[in-house]
Amino acid sequence: MGNVERCDTTLPTNEMMFYVRRDPALRARWLTDLPGIAKEFGLSRAEYEAIRDQDPKRLMDLGVHQYYVPQILRLFFGAAQNANASAALQCYRRAFPEETAKAMALETRREGT
């Protein structure tokens, strides 16, 4: 999946997330005015669409810091019910099908031992 070396420190999404995490007013607007927030921080169309589409792989491929990706998903889905059936985890499963299959197979093997 992602790694810190692929992070683009100049990417507007990274700056935006730094502020959104700390500002209750920005967090409150997240679900009602995401296009406005994206415009205020100068996100590219690709950045905005990756966030809107809740796509962890595209976000990481664009250079979003891997620490911010789950935080972005939490803004959409909340932090409760972090289980294998959570909406946030489903985003990762769609974005990383091969990695998910390997992880699930490993979990099944571990449960069998």
Protein backbone atom coordinates (compact mmCIF):
# COMPACT_ATOMS: atom_id res chain seq x y z
CA MET A 1 0.00 0.00 0.00
CA GLY A 2 1.24 3.50 0.76
CA ASN A 3 4.51 4.59 2.20
CA VAL A 4 5.98 7.80 3.50
CA GLU A 5 8.50 8.06 0.66
CA ARG A 6 5.66 8.56 -1.82
CA CYS A 7 4.22 11.48 0.13
CA ASP A 8 4.21 14.78 -1.74
CA THR A 9 4.69 17.43 0.92
CA THR A 10 3.64 20.14 -1.57
CA LEU A 11 0.28 18.48 -2.32
CA PRO A 12 -2.62 20.76 -1.33
CA THR A 13 -4.56 17.79 0.11
CA ASN A 14 -1.86 17.23 2.72
CA GLU A 15 -2.03 20.86 3.82
CA MET A 16 -5.83 20.78 3.80
CA MET A 17 -5.93 17.70 6.02
CA PHE A 18 -3.51 19.29 8.47
CA TYR A 19 -6.05 22.06 9.02
CA VAL A 20 -9.25 20.03 8.73
CA ARG A 21 -8.09 17.70 11.51
CA ARG A 22 -7.70 20.70 13.85
CA ASP A 23 -10.62 22.90 12.87
CA PRO A 24 -14.13 21.89 14.00
CA ALA A 25 -15.73 24.30 11.51
CA LEU A 26 -13.91 22.70 8.56
CA ARG A 27 -14.81 19.22 9.80
CA ALA A 28 -18.45 20.29 10.10
CA ARG A 29 -18.40 21.47 6.46
CA TRP A 30 -16.78 18.27 5.18
CA LEU A 31 -20.02 16.46 4.35
CA THR A 32 -21.93 19.55 3.24
CA ASP A 33 -19.34 21.60 1.33
CA LEU A 34 -16.45 19.40 0.25
CA PRO A 35 -16.19 21.20 -3.13
CA GLY A 36 -15.89 24.54 -1.32
CA ILE A 37 -13.19 23.29 1.04
CA ALA A 38 -11.29 21.75 -1.87
CA LYS A 39 -11.43 25.05 -3.76
CA GLU A 40 -10.26 27.04 -0.72
CA PHE A 41 -7.17 24.87 -0.41
CA GLY A 42 -6.46 24.74 -4.16
CA LEU A 43 -6.94 21.01 -4.70
CA SER A 44 -6.59 19.73 -8.23
CA ARG A 45 -9.51 18.01 -9.88
CA ALA A 46 -7.75 14.65 -9.42
CA GLU A 47 -7.28 15.28 -5.69
CA TYR A 48 -10.88 16.35 -5.22
CA GLU A 49 -12.25 13.37 -7.15
CA ALA A 50 -10.09 10.89 -5.22
CA ILE A 51 -11.40 12.32 -1.96
CA ARG A 52 -14.99 12.50 -3.19
CA ASP A 53 -14.78 8.93 -4.44
CA GLN A 54 -13.21 7.79 -1.15
CA ASP A 55 -10.42 6.01 -3.02
CA PRO A 56 -7.39 5.28 -0.81
CA LYS A 57 -5.22 3.98 -3.66
CA ARG A 58 -5.68 7.07 -5.82
CA LEU A 59 -5.07 9.29 -2.80
CA MET A 60 -1.78 7.53 -2.05
CA ASP A 61 -0.81 7.48 -5.72
CA LEU A 62 -1.31 11.26 -5.80
CA GLY A 63 1.01 11.67 -2.83
CA VAL A 64 -1.41 12.05 0.08
CA HIS A 65 0.39 11.10 3.27
CA GLN A 66 -0.64 7.60 4.34
CA TYR A 67 -1.52 8.97 7.80
CA TYR A 68 -4.14 11.28 6.28
CA VAL A 69 -5.88 8.66 4.12
CA PRO A 70 -7.68 6.90 7.00
CA GLN A 71 -8.46 10.29 8.50
CA ILE A 72 -10.15 11.31 5.25
CA LEU A 73 -12.27 8.17 5.37
CA ARG A 74 -13.15 8.82 9.03
CA LEU A 75 -14.51 12.20 8.03
CA PHE A 76 -16.98 10.40 5.77
CA PHE A 77 -17.77 7.38 7.93
CA GLY A 78 -16.81 8.27 11.50
CA ALA A 79 -14.45 6.33 13.72
CA ALA A 80 -16.95 3.97 15.32
CA GLN A 81 -17.46 0.38 14.24
CA ASN A 82 -13.92 -0.14 13.00
CA ALA A 83 -14.49 -3.77 12.07
CA ASN A 84 -13.96 -5.89 8.98
CA ALA A 85 -17.39 -4.82 7.74
CA SER A 86 -16.85 -1.07 8.24
CA ALA A 87 -17.48 1.29 5.34
CA ALA A 88 -13.93 2.65 5.58
CA LEU A 89 -12.40 -0.81 5.33
CA GLN A 90 -14.60 -1.56 2.33
CA CYS A 91 -12.97 1.42 0.57
CA TYR A 92 -9.55 -0.17 1.13
CA ARG A 93 -10.84 -3.56 -0.07
CA ARG A 94 -12.06 -2.02 -3.33
CA ALA A 95 -8.85 -0.04 -3.80
CA PHE A 96 -6.50 -2.92 -2.96
CA PRO A 97 -8.21 -6.18 -4.00
CA GLU A 98 -5.02 -8.26 -4.30
CA GLU A 99 -3.62 -7.09 -0.97
CA THR A 100 -6.99 -7.69 0.67
CA ALA A 101 -7.18 -11.25 -0.67
CA LYS A 102 -3.69 -11.99 0.66
CA ALA A 103 -4.51 -10.52 4.07
CA MET A 104 -7.77 -12.46 4.29
CA ALA A 105 -6.01 -15.69 3.33
CA LEU A 106 -3.38 -15.07 6.00
CA GLU A 107 -6.10 -14.41 8.57
CA THR A 108 -7.86 -17.63 7.60
CA ARG A 109 -4.59 -19.59 7.95
CA ARG A 110 -3.92 -18.04 11.38
CA GLU A 111 -7.43 -18.86 12.56
CA GLY A 112 -6.93 -22.46 11.46
CA THR A 113 -3.84 -22.92 13.62
